Amino acid sequence: MKEVVEYIVKSLVIDKDAVKVAETEDETGSVINVSVAESDMGRVIGKSGNIASSIRTIIKSISSRTGKKVFVKFGE
């Protein structure tokens, strides 16, 4: 999942070197933390959070096949 999120986010931002994606797992599922440059945060979140919501929907759709929950969090 981490690779998919990283690919999507890097295709949206200008400063591709500043993209950091980390995945942690616990008993409830996986959490993917996405960090981008402050100037690119608006591109990743989108107007009213539409792009961030779309990324989460794609990841939830993929993860439903494996049967585990995956949460995506965005930050700087």
Foldseek 3Di string as FASTA:
>chain_A
DQVVLLVVLCVQFDCNVQWDWDWDADPQAIEIEIEGDPVRPCSCQDDVRPNVVVSLVVVQVVVVVVPGDYHYHYDD
